Amino acid sequence: MKKSTSNLVFTEVHRPHLIKSLGSLPHDGEVKNTSSGYIYADIDNEFIHRAFPLICIKDIQKPNYFNEDTNHIGAHIRVKGSGSKLPEVNI
């Protein structure tokens, strides 16, 4: 089932074996930033290593976040790309 919000398209995927495999991993991360302004939540690398073999989507490739070309960033969730602005939040 596809859901659209603005310019984003979300596809709901039913993969209970994936949820079961990842459920034992830590449910937290650390917010970090790079010198270029990229902000991300650093999460356990096992999210990629365990999930990838279970995804089974044609033509998908495992991301290479573990070498010098990517500064060994590892598994992460992007918060803000370099050069983009964070939205204003009123608290």
PDB file of N, CA and C in Angstrom:
ATOM      1  N   MET A   1       0.848  -1.177   0.000  1.00  0.00           N
ATOM      2  CA  MET A   1       0.000   0.000   0.000  1.00  0.00           C
ATOM      3  C   MET A   1       0.888   1.234   0.000  1.00  0.00           C
ATOM      4  N   LYS A   2       0.678   2.144  -0.960  1.00  0.00           N
ATOM      5  CA  LYS A   2       1.480   3.354  -1.030  1.00  0.00           C
ATOM      6  C   LYS A   2       0.723   4.520  -0.431  1.00  0.00           C
ATOM      7  N   LYS A   3       1.450   5.326   0.346  1.00  0.00           N
ATOM      8  CA  LYS A   3       0.895   6.524   0.945  1.00  0.00           C
ATOM      9  C   LYS A   3       1.748   7.693   0.502  1.00  0.00           C
ATOM     10  N   SER A   4       1.135   8.789   0.158  1.00  0.00           N
ATOM     11  CA  SER A   4       1.884   9.944  -0.309  1.00  0.00           C
ATOM     12  C   SER A   4       1.660  11.124   0.621  1.00  0.00           C
ATOM     13  N   THR A   5       2.748  11.786   0.961  1.00  0.00           N
ATOM     14  CA  THR A   5       2.713  12.991   1.762  1.00  0.00           C
ATOM     15  C   THR A   5       3.620  13.993   1.087  1.00  0.00           C
ATOM     16  N   SER A   6       3.046  15.086   0.581  1.00  0.00           N
ATOM     17  CA  SER A   6       3.858  16.087  -0.098  1.00  0.00           C
ATOM     18  C   SER A   6       4.567  15.407  -1.262  1.00  0.00           C
ATOM     19  N   ASN A   7       5.902  15.488  -1.310  1.00  0.00           N
ATOM     20  CA  ASN A   7       6.673  14.858  -2.379  1.00  0.00           C
ATOM     21  C   ASN A   7       7.216  13.492  -1.991  1.00  0.00           C
ATOM     22  N   LEU A   8       6.884  13.031  -0.789  1.00  0.00           N
ATOM     23  CA  LEU A   8       7.378  11.748  -0.318  1.00  0.00           C
ATOM     24  C   LEU A   8       6.362  10.657  -0.587  1.00  0.00           C
ATOM     25  N   VAL A   9       6.849   9.488  -0.946  1.00  0.00           N
ATOM     26  CA  VAL A   9       5.979   8.333  -1.145  1.00  0.00           C
ATOM     27  C   VAL A   9       6.460   7.233  -0.205  1.00  0.00           C
ATOM     28  N   PHE A  10       5.560   6.729   0.626  1.00  0.00           N
ATOM     29  CA  PHE A  10       5.874   5.663   1.559  1.00  0.00           C
ATOM     30  C   PHE A  10       5.195   4.393   1.074  1.00  0.00           C
ATOM     31  N   THR A  11       5.914   3.295   1.085  1.00  0.00           N
ATOM     32  CA  THR A  11       5.354   2.012   0.713  1.00  0.00           C
ATOM     33  C   THR A  11       5.349   1.123   1.950  1.00  0.00           C
ATOM     34  N   GLU A  12       4.165   0.663   2.329  1.00  0.00           N
ATOM     35  CA  GLU A  12       4.045  -0.203   3.485  1.00  0.00           C
ATOM     36  C   GLU A  12       4.473  -1.611   3.091  1.00  0.00           C
ATOM     37  N   VAL A  13       5.389  -2.170   3.841  1.00  0.00           N
ATOM     38  CA  VAL A  13       5.916  -3.495   3.545  1.00  0.00           C
ATOM     39  C   VAL A  13       5.600  -4.419   4.721  1.00  0.00           C
ATOM     40  N   HIS A  14       4.981  -5.551   4.411  1.00  0.00           N
ATOM     41  CA  HIS A  14       4.636  -6.518   5.463  1.00  0.00           C
ATOM     42  C   HIS A  14       5.708  -7.609   5.480  1.00  0.00           C
ATOM     43  N   ARG A  15       6.639  -7.524   6.424  1.00  0.00           N
ATOM     44  CA  ARG A  15       7.714  -8.492   6.550  1.00  0.00           C
ATOM     45  C   ARG A  15       7.918  -8.820   8.041  1.00  0.00           C
ATOM     46  N   PRO A  16       7.052  -9.655   8.603  1.00  0.00           N
ATOM     47  CA  PRO A  16       7.150  -9.962  10.037  1.00  0.00           C
ATOM     48  C   PRO A  16       8.495 -10.558  10.435  1.00  0.00           C
ATOM     49  N   HIS A  17       9.137 -11.333   9.551  1.00  0.00           N
ATOM     50  CA  HIS A  17      10.441 -11.915   9.870  1.00  0.00           C
ATOM     51  C   HIS A  17      11.504 -10.829  10.031  1.00  0.00           C
ATOM     52  N   LEU A  18      11.362  -9.736   9.302  1.00  0.00           N
ATOM     53  CA  LEU A  18      12.295  -8.614   9.414  1.00  0.00           C
ATOM     54  C   LEU A  18      12.113  -7.914  10.757  1.00  0.00           C
ATOM     55  N   ILE A  19      10.879  -7.672  11.140  1.00  0.00           N
ATOM     56  CA  ILE A  19      10.585  -7.030  12.421  1.00  0.00           C
ATOM     57  C   ILE A  19      11.103  -7.896  13.566  1.00  0.00           C
ATOM     58  N   LYS A  20      10.891  -9.207  13.474  1.00  0.00           N
ATOM     59  CA  LYS A  20      11.353 -10.111  14.526  1.00  0.00           C
ATOM     60  C   LYS A  20      12.878 -10.089  14.637  1.00  0.00           C
ATOM     61  N   SER A  21      13.567 -10.078  13.522  1.00  0.00           N
ATOM     62  CA  SER A  21      15.028 -10.086  13.519  1.00  0.00           C
ATOM     63  C   SER A  21      15.611  -8.797  14.093  1.00  0.00           C
ATOM     64  N   LEU A  22      14.973  -7.669  13.801  1.00  0.00           N
ATOM     65  CA  LEU A  22      15.498  -6.371  14.239  1.00  0.00           C
ATOM     66  C   LEU A  22      15.002  -5.973  15.620  1.00  0.00           C
ATOM     67  N   GLY A  23      13.981  -6.654  16.122  1.00  0.00           N
ATOM     68  CA  GLY A  23      13.375  -6.282  17.399  1.00  0.00           C
ATOM     69  C   GLY A  23      14.312  -6.350  18.589  1.00  0.00           C
ATOM     70  N   SER A  24      15.339  -7.190  18.504  1.00  0.00           N
ATOM     71  CA  SER A  24      16.264  -7.320  19.631  1.00  0.00           C
ATOM     72  C   SER A  24      17.378  -6.268  19.623  1.00  0.00           C
ATOM     73  N   LEU A  25      17.441  -5.470  18.576  1.00  0.00           N
ATOM     74  CA  LEU A  25      18.492  -4.441  18.504  1.00  0.00           C
ATOM     75  C   LEU A  25      18.121  -3.231  19.360  1.00  0.00           C
ATOM     76  N   PRO A  26      19.120  -2.441  19.761  1.00  0.00           N
ATOM     77  CA  PRO A  26      18.827  -1.246  20.565  1.00  0.00           C
ATOM     78  C   PRO A  26      17.887  -0.301  19.823  1.00  0.00           C
ATOM     79  N   HIS A  27      16.955   0.293  20.545  1.00  0.00           N
ATOM     80  CA  HIS A  27      15.990   1.209  19.952  1.00  0.00           C
ATOM     81  C   HIS A  27      16.373   2.656  20.207  1.00  0.00           C
ATOM     82  N   ASP A  28      17.658   2.935  20.181  1.00  0.00           N
ATOM     83  CA  ASP A  28      18.118   4.298  20.373  1.00  0.00           C
ATOM     84  C   ASP A  28      19.363   4.528  19.530  1.00  0.00           C
ATOM     85  N   GLY A  29      19.801   5.750  19.487  1.00  0.00           N
ATOM     86  CA  GLY A  29      20.995   6.115  18.739  1.00  0.00           C
ATOM     87  C   GLY A  29      21.535   7.419  19.282  1.00  0.00           C
ATOM     88  N   GLU A  30      22.600   7.883  18.681  1.00  0.00           N
ATOM     89  CA  GLU A  30      23.228   9.125  19.106  1.00  0.00           C
ATOM     90  C   GLU A  30      23.209  10.116  17.945  1.00  0.00           C
ATOM     91  N   VAL A  31      22.747  11.334  18.190  1.00  0.00           N
ATOM     92  CA  VAL A  31      22.724  12.356  17.150  1.00  0.00           C
ATOM     93  C   VAL A  31      24.144  12.898  16.983  1.00  0.00           C
ATOM     94  N   LYS A  32      24.611  12.887  15.733  1.00  0.00           N
ATOM     95  CA  LYS A  32      25.968  13.344  15.422  1.00  0.00           C
ATOM     96  C   LYS A  32      25.912  14.287  14.229  1.00  0.00           C
ATOM     97  N   ASN A  33      27.007  15.020  14.023  1.00  0.00           N
ATOM     98  CA  ASN A  33      27.085  15.852  12.835  1.00  0.00           C
ATOM     99  C   ASN A  33      28.492  15.794  12.250  1.00  0.00           C
ATOM    100  N   THR A  34      28.575  16.058  10.946  1.00  0.00           N
ATOM    101  CA  THR A  34      29.860  16.070  10.259  1.00  0.00           C
ATOM    102  C   THR A  34      30.309  17.507  10.082  1.00  0.00           C
ATOM    103  N   SER A  35      31.543  17.684   9.674  1.00  0.00           N
ATOM    104  CA  SER A  35      32.069  19.040   9.472  1.00  0.00           C
ATOM    105  C   SER A  35      31.360  19.766   8.328  1.00  0.00           C
ATOM    106  N   SER A  36      30.721  19.017   7.433  1.00  0.00           N
ATOM    107  CA  SER A  36      30.000  19.647   6.318  1.00  0.00           C
ATOM    108  C   SER A  36      28.566  20.016   6.680  1.00  0.00           C
ATOM    109  N   GLY A  37      28.136  19.730   7.923  1.00  0.00           N
ATOM    110  CA  GLY A  37      26.799  20.105   8.358  1.00  0.00           C
ATOM    111  C   GLY A  37      25.761  19.009   8.260  1.00  0.00           C
ATOM    112  N   TYR A  38      26.158  17.804   7.873  1.00  0.00           N
ATOM    113  CA  TYR A  38      25.238  16.668   7.800  1.00  0.00           C
ATOM    114  C   TYR A  38      24.944  16.210   9.224  1.00  0.00           C
ATOM    115  N   ILE A  39      23.670  16.113   9.595  1.00  0.00           N
ATOM    116  CA  ILE A  39      23.269  15.692  10.932  1.00  0.00           C
ATOM    117  C   ILE A  39      22.514  14.371  10.798  1.00  0.00           C
ATOM    118  N   TYR A  40      22.881  13.410  11.655  1.00  0.00           N
ATOM    119  CA  TYR A  40      22.273  12.089  11.550  1.00  0.00           C
ATOM    120  C   TYR A  40      22.177  11.418  12.913  1.00  0.00           C
ATOM    121  N   ALA A  41      21.275  10.466  12.999  1.00  0.00           N
ATOM    122  CA  ALA A  41      21.177   9.621  14.187  1.00  0.00           C
ATOM    123  C   ALA A  41      21.985   8.367  13.901  1.00  0.00           C
ATOM    124  N   ASP A  42      23.045   8.173  14.651  1.00  0.00           N
ATOM    125  CA  ASP A  42      23.908   7.015  14.508  1.00  0.00           C
ATOM    126  C   ASP A  42      23.236   5.838  15.207  1.00  0.00           C
ATOM    127  N   ILE A  43      22.919   4.795  14.450  1.00  0.00           N
ATOM    128  CA  ILE A  43      22.246   3.625  15.013  1.00  0.00           C
ATOM    129  C   ILE A  43      23.132   2.388  14.855  1.00  0.00           C
ATOM    130  N   ASP A  44      22.772   1.320  15.508  1.00  0.00           N
ATOM    131  CA  ASP A  44      23.538   0.079  15.483  1.00  0.00           C
ATOM    132  C   ASP A  44      23.709  -0.419  14.043  1.00  0.00           C
ATOM    133  N   ASN A  45      24.931  -0.726  13.639  1.00  0.00           N
ATOM    134  CA  ASN A  45      25.207  -1.215  12.289  1.00  0.00           C
ATOM    135  C   ASN A  45      24.496  -2.517  11.968  1.00  0.00           C
ATOM    136  N   GLU A  46      24.110  -3.262  12.982  1.00  0.00           N
ATOM    137  CA  GLU A  46      23.397  -4.516  12.757  1.00  0.00           C
ATOM    138  C   GLU A  46      22.053  -4.299  12.063  1.00  0.00           C
ATOM    139  N   PHE A  47      21.489  -3.082  12.118  1.00  0.00           N
ATOM    140  CA  PHE A  47      20.248  -2.813  11.389  1.00  0.00           C
ATOM    141  C   PHE A  47      20.447  -3.067   9.903  1.00  0.00           C
ATOM    142  N   ILE A  48      21.600  -2.722   9.372  1.00  0.00           N
ATOM    143  CA  ILE A  48      21.878  -2.974   7.961  1.00  0.00           C
ATOM    144  C   ILE A  48      22.295  -4.423   7.755  1.00  0.00           C
ATOM    145  N   HIS A  49      23.221  -4.903   8.571  1.00  0.00           N
ATOM    146  CA  HIS A  49      23.748  -6.257   8.375  1.00  0.00           C
ATOM    147  C   HIS A  49      22.676  -7.338   8.535  1.00  0.00           C
ATOM    148  N   ARG A  50      21.753  -7.168   9.470  1.00  0.00           N
ATOM    149  CA  ARG A  50      20.684  -8.174   9.665  1.00  0.00           C
ATOM    150  C   ARG A  50      19.536  -7.978   8.685  1.00  0.00           C
ATOM    151  N   ALA A  51      19.184  -6.740   8.401  1.00  0.00           N
ATOM    152  CA  ALA A  51      18.007  -6.472   7.566  1.00  0.00           C
ATOM    153  C   ALA A  51      18.238  -6.796   6.099  1.00  0.00           C
ATOM    154  N   PHE A  52      19.404  -6.485   5.594  1.00  0.00           N
ATOM    155  CA  PHE A  52      19.625  -6.614   4.153  1.00  0.00           C
ATOM    156  C   PHE A  52      19.310  -7.998   3.594  1.00  0.00           C
ATOM    157  N   PRO A  53      19.798  -9.073   4.210  1.00  0.00           N
ATOM    158  CA  PRO A  53      19.492 -10.401   3.643  1.00  0.00           C
ATOM    159  C   PRO A  53      18.002 -10.759   3.697  1.00  0.00           C
ATOM    160  N   LEU A  54      17.224 -10.064   4.510  1.00  0.00           N
ATOM    161  CA  LEU A  54      15.806 -10.394   4.675  1.00  0.00           C
ATOM    162  C   LEU A  54      14.873  -9.544   3.812  1.00  0.00           C
ATOM    163  N   ILE A  55      15.379  -8.494   3.212  1.00  0.00           N
ATOM    164  CA  ILE A  55      14.512  -7.564   2.484  1.00  0.00           C
ATOM    165  C   ILE A  55      13.961  -8.165   1.203  1.00  0.00           C
ATOM    166  N   CYS A  56      14.771  -8.847   0.429  1.00  0.00           N
ATOM    167  CA  CYS A  56      14.326  -9.565  -0.778  1.00  0.00           C
ATOM    168  C   CYS A  56      13.589  -8.676  -1.769  1.00  0.00           C
ATOM    169  N   ILE A  57      14.164  -7.548  -2.115  1.00  0.00           N
ATOM    170  CA  ILE A  57      13.604  -6.675  -3.140  1.00  0.00           C
ATOM    171  C   ILE A  57      14.577  -6.667  -4.308  1.00  0.00           C
ATOM    172  N   LYS A  58      14.058  -6.934  -5.496  1.00  0.00           N
ATOM    173  CA  LYS A  58      14.888  -7.024  -6.689  1.00  0.00           C
ATOM    174  C   LYS A  58      15.688  -5.739  -6.904  1.00  0.00           C
ATOM    175  N   ASP A  59      16.936  -5.899  -7.285  1.00  0.00           N
ATOM    176  CA  ASP A  59      17.846  -4.802  -7.646  1.00  0.00           C
ATOM    177  C   ASP A  59      18.232  -3.877  -6.494  1.00  0.00           C
ATOM    178  N   ILE A  60      17.958  -4.256  -5.262  1.00  0.00           N
ATOM    179  CA  ILE A  60      18.370  -3.423  -4.142  1.00  0.00           C
ATOM    180  C   ILE A  60      19.809  -3.802  -3.781  1.00  0.00           C
ATOM    181  N   GLN A  61      20.607  -2.798  -3.447  1.00  0.00           N
ATOM    182  CA  GLN A  61      21.990  -3.046  -3.082  1.00  0.00           C
ATOM    183  C   GLN A  61      22.240  -2.601  -1.649  1.00  0.00           C
ATOM    184  N   LYS A  62      23.065  -3.344  -0.966  1.00  0.00           N
ATOM    185  CA  LYS A  62      23.417  -3.007   0.412  1.00  0.00           C
ATOM    186  C   LYS A  62      24.241  -1.709   0.392  1.00  0.00           C
ATOM    187  N   PRO A  63      23.852  -0.729   1.201  1.00  0.00           N
ATOM    188  CA  PRO A  63      24.610   0.525   1.216  1.00  0.00           C
ATOM    189  C   PRO A  63      26.012   0.312   1.779  1.00  0.00           C
ATOM    190  N   ASN A  64      26.961   1.033   1.235  1.00  0.00           N
ATOM    191  CA  ASN A  64      28.339   0.893   1.679  1.00  0.00           C
ATOM    192  C   ASN A  64      28.681   2.064   2.599  1.00  0.00           C
ATOM    193  N   TYR A  65      28.293   1.950   3.851  1.00  0.00           N
ATOM    194  CA  TYR A  65      28.531   3.011   4.833  1.00  0.00           C
ATOM    195  C   TYR A  65      29.687   2.676   5.764  1.00  0.00           C
ATOM    196  N   PHE A  66      30.515   1.729   5.374  1.00  0.00           N
ATOM    197  CA  PHE A  66      31.520   1.230   6.296  1.00  0.00           C
ATOM    198  C   PHE A  66      32.943   1.385   5.771  1.00  0.00           C
ATOM    199  N   ASN A  67      33.160   2.281   4.805  1.00  0.00           N
ATOM    200  CA  ASN A  67      34.507   2.464   4.269  1.00  0.00           C
ATOM    201  C   ASN A  67      34.941   3.929   4.336  1.00  0.00           C
ATOM    202  N   GLU A  68      36.158   4.202   3.886  1.00  0.00           N
ATOM    203  CA  GLU A  68      36.699   5.564   3.944  1.00  0.00           C
ATOM    204  C   GLU A  68      35.908   6.547   3.082  1.00  0.00           C
ATOM    205  N   ASP A  69      35.353   6.093   1.959  1.00  0.00           N
ATOM    206  CA  ASP A  69      34.596   6.982   1.075  1.00  0.00           C
ATOM    207  C   ASP A  69      33.407   7.621   1.782  1.00  0.00           C
ATOM    208  N   THR A  70      32.867   6.937   2.760  1.00  0.00           N
ATOM    209  CA  THR A  70      31.720   7.461   3.516  1.00  0.00           C
ATOM    210  C   THR A  70      32.118   7.832   4.940  1.00  0.00           C
ATOM    211  N   ASN A  71      33.408   7.966   5.174  1.00  0.00           N
ATOM    212  CA  ASN A  71      33.929   8.312   6.499  1.00  0.00           C
ATOM    213  C   ASN A  71      33.452   7.344   7.580  1.00  0.00           C
ATOM    214  N   HIS A  72      33.235   6.093   7.185  1.00  0.00           N
ATOM    215  CA  HIS A  72      32.822   5.042   8.133  1.00  0.00           C
ATOM    216  C   HIS A  72      31.576   5.450   8.928  1.00  0.00           C
ATOM    217  N   ILE A  73      30.633   6.125   8.267  1.00  0.00           N
ATOM    218  CA  ILE A  73      29.439   6.630   8.960  1.00  0.00           C
ATOM    219  C   ILE A  73      28.599   5.506   9.536  1.00  0.00           C
ATOM    220  N   GLY A  74      28.595   4.334   8.912  1.00  0.00           N
ATOM    221  CA  GLY A  74      27.821   3.203   9.413  1.00  0.00           C
ATOM    222  C   GLY A  74      26.327   3.420   9.255  1.00  0.00           C
ATOM    223  N   ALA A  75      25.557   2.574   9.912  1.00  0.00           N
ATOM    224  CA  ALA A  75      24.094   2.662   9.842  1.00  0.00           C
ATOM    225  C   ALA A  75      23.653   3.980  10.474  1.00  0.00           C
ATOM    226  N   HIS A  76      22.716   4.658   9.823  1.00  0.00           N
ATOM    227  CA  HIS A  76      22.281   5.963  10.330  1.00  0.00           C
ATOM    228  C   HIS A  76      20.922   6.335   9.754  1.00  0.00           C
ATOM    229  N   ILE A  77      20.315   7.329  10.385  1.00  0.00           N
ATOM    230  CA  ILE A  77      19.078   7.932   9.896  1.00  0.00           C
ATOM    231  C   ILE A  77      19.372   9.410   9.699  1.00  0.00           C
ATOM    232  N   ARG A  78      19.207   9.882   8.485  1.00  0.00           N
ATOM    233  CA  ARG A  78      19.513  11.286   8.193  1.00  0.00           C
ATOM    234  C   ARG A  78      18.508  12.200   8.885  1.00  0.00           C
ATOM    235  N   VAL A  79      19.036  13.225   9.536  1.00  0.00           N
ATOM    236  CA  VAL A  79      18.204  14.250  10.157  1.00  0.00           C
ATOM    237  C   VAL A  79      18.210  15.486   9.276  1.00  0.00           C
ATOM    238  N   LYS A  80      19.389  15.887   8.802  1.00  0.00           N
ATOM    239  CA  LYS A  80      19.544  17.078   7.957  1.00  0.00           C
ATOM    240  C   LYS A  80      20.730  16.862   7.041  1.00  0.00           C
ATOM    241  N   GLY A  81      20.513  17.040   5.749  1.00  0.00           N
ATOM    242  CA  GLY A  81      21.610  16.938   4.802  1.00  0.00           C
ATOM    243  C   GLY A  81      22.476  18.184   4.846  1.00  0.00           C
ATOM    244  N   SER A  82      23.718  18.067   4.417  1.00  0.00           N
ATOM    245  CA  SER A  82      24.590  19.236   4.397  1.00  0.00           C
ATOM    246  C   SER A  82      24.018  20.252   3.418  1.00  0.00           C
ATOM    247  N   GLY A  83      23.995  21.504   3.822  1.00  0.00           N
ATOM    248  CA  GLY A  83      23.477  22.571   2.972  1.00  0.00           C
ATOM    249  C   GLY A  83      21.986  22.814   3.098  1.00  0.00           C
ATOM    250  N   SER A  84      21.251  21.955   3.786  1.00  0.00           N
ATOM    251  CA  SER A  84      19.814  22.175   3.956  1.00  0.00           C
ATOM    252  C   SER A  84      19.552  22.772   5.329  1.00  0.00           C
ATOM    253  N   LYS A  85      18.385  23.389   5.467  1.00  0.00           N
ATOM    254  CA  LYS A  85      18.019  24.032   6.731  1.00  0.00           C
ATOM    255  C   LYS A  85      17.120  23.111   7.548  1.00  0.00           C
ATOM    256  N   LEU A  86      17.292  23.167   8.851  1.00  0.00           N
ATOM    257  CA  LEU A  86      16.364  22.473   9.736  1.00  0.00           C
ATOM    258  C   LEU A  86      15.097  23.287   9.855  1.00  0.00           C
ATOM    259  N   PRO A  87      13.934  22.668   9.958  1.00  0.00           N
ATOM    260  CA  PRO A  87      12.698  23.439  10.126  1.00  0.00           C
ATOM    261  C   PRO A  87      12.673  24.099  11.485  1.00  0.00           C
ATOM    262  N   GLU A  88      12.016  25.251  11.558  1.00  0.00           N
ATOM    263  CA  GLU A  88      11.858  25.935  12.840  1.00  0.00           C
ATOM    264  C   GLU A  88      10.868  25.173  13.696  1.00  0.00           C
ATOM    265  N   VAL A  89      11.167  25.062  14.964  1.00  0.00           N
ATOM    266  CA  VAL A  89      10.272  24.370  15.891  1.00  0.00           C
ATOM    267  C   VAL A  89       9.988  25.311  17.046  1.00  0.00           C
ATOM    268  N   ASN A  90       8.713  25.582  17.266  1.00  0.00           N
ATOM    269  CA  ASN A  90       8.324  26.414  18.403  1.00  0.00           C
ATOM    270  C   ASN A  90       7.919  25.528  19.565  1.00  0.00           C
ATOM    271  N   ILE A  91       8.565  25.750  20.687  1.00  0.00           N
ATOM    272  CA  ILE A  91       8.273  24.930  21.868  1.00  0.00           C
ATOM    273  C   ILE A  91       7.643  25.801  22.918  1.00  0.00           C
TER     274      ILE A  91
END
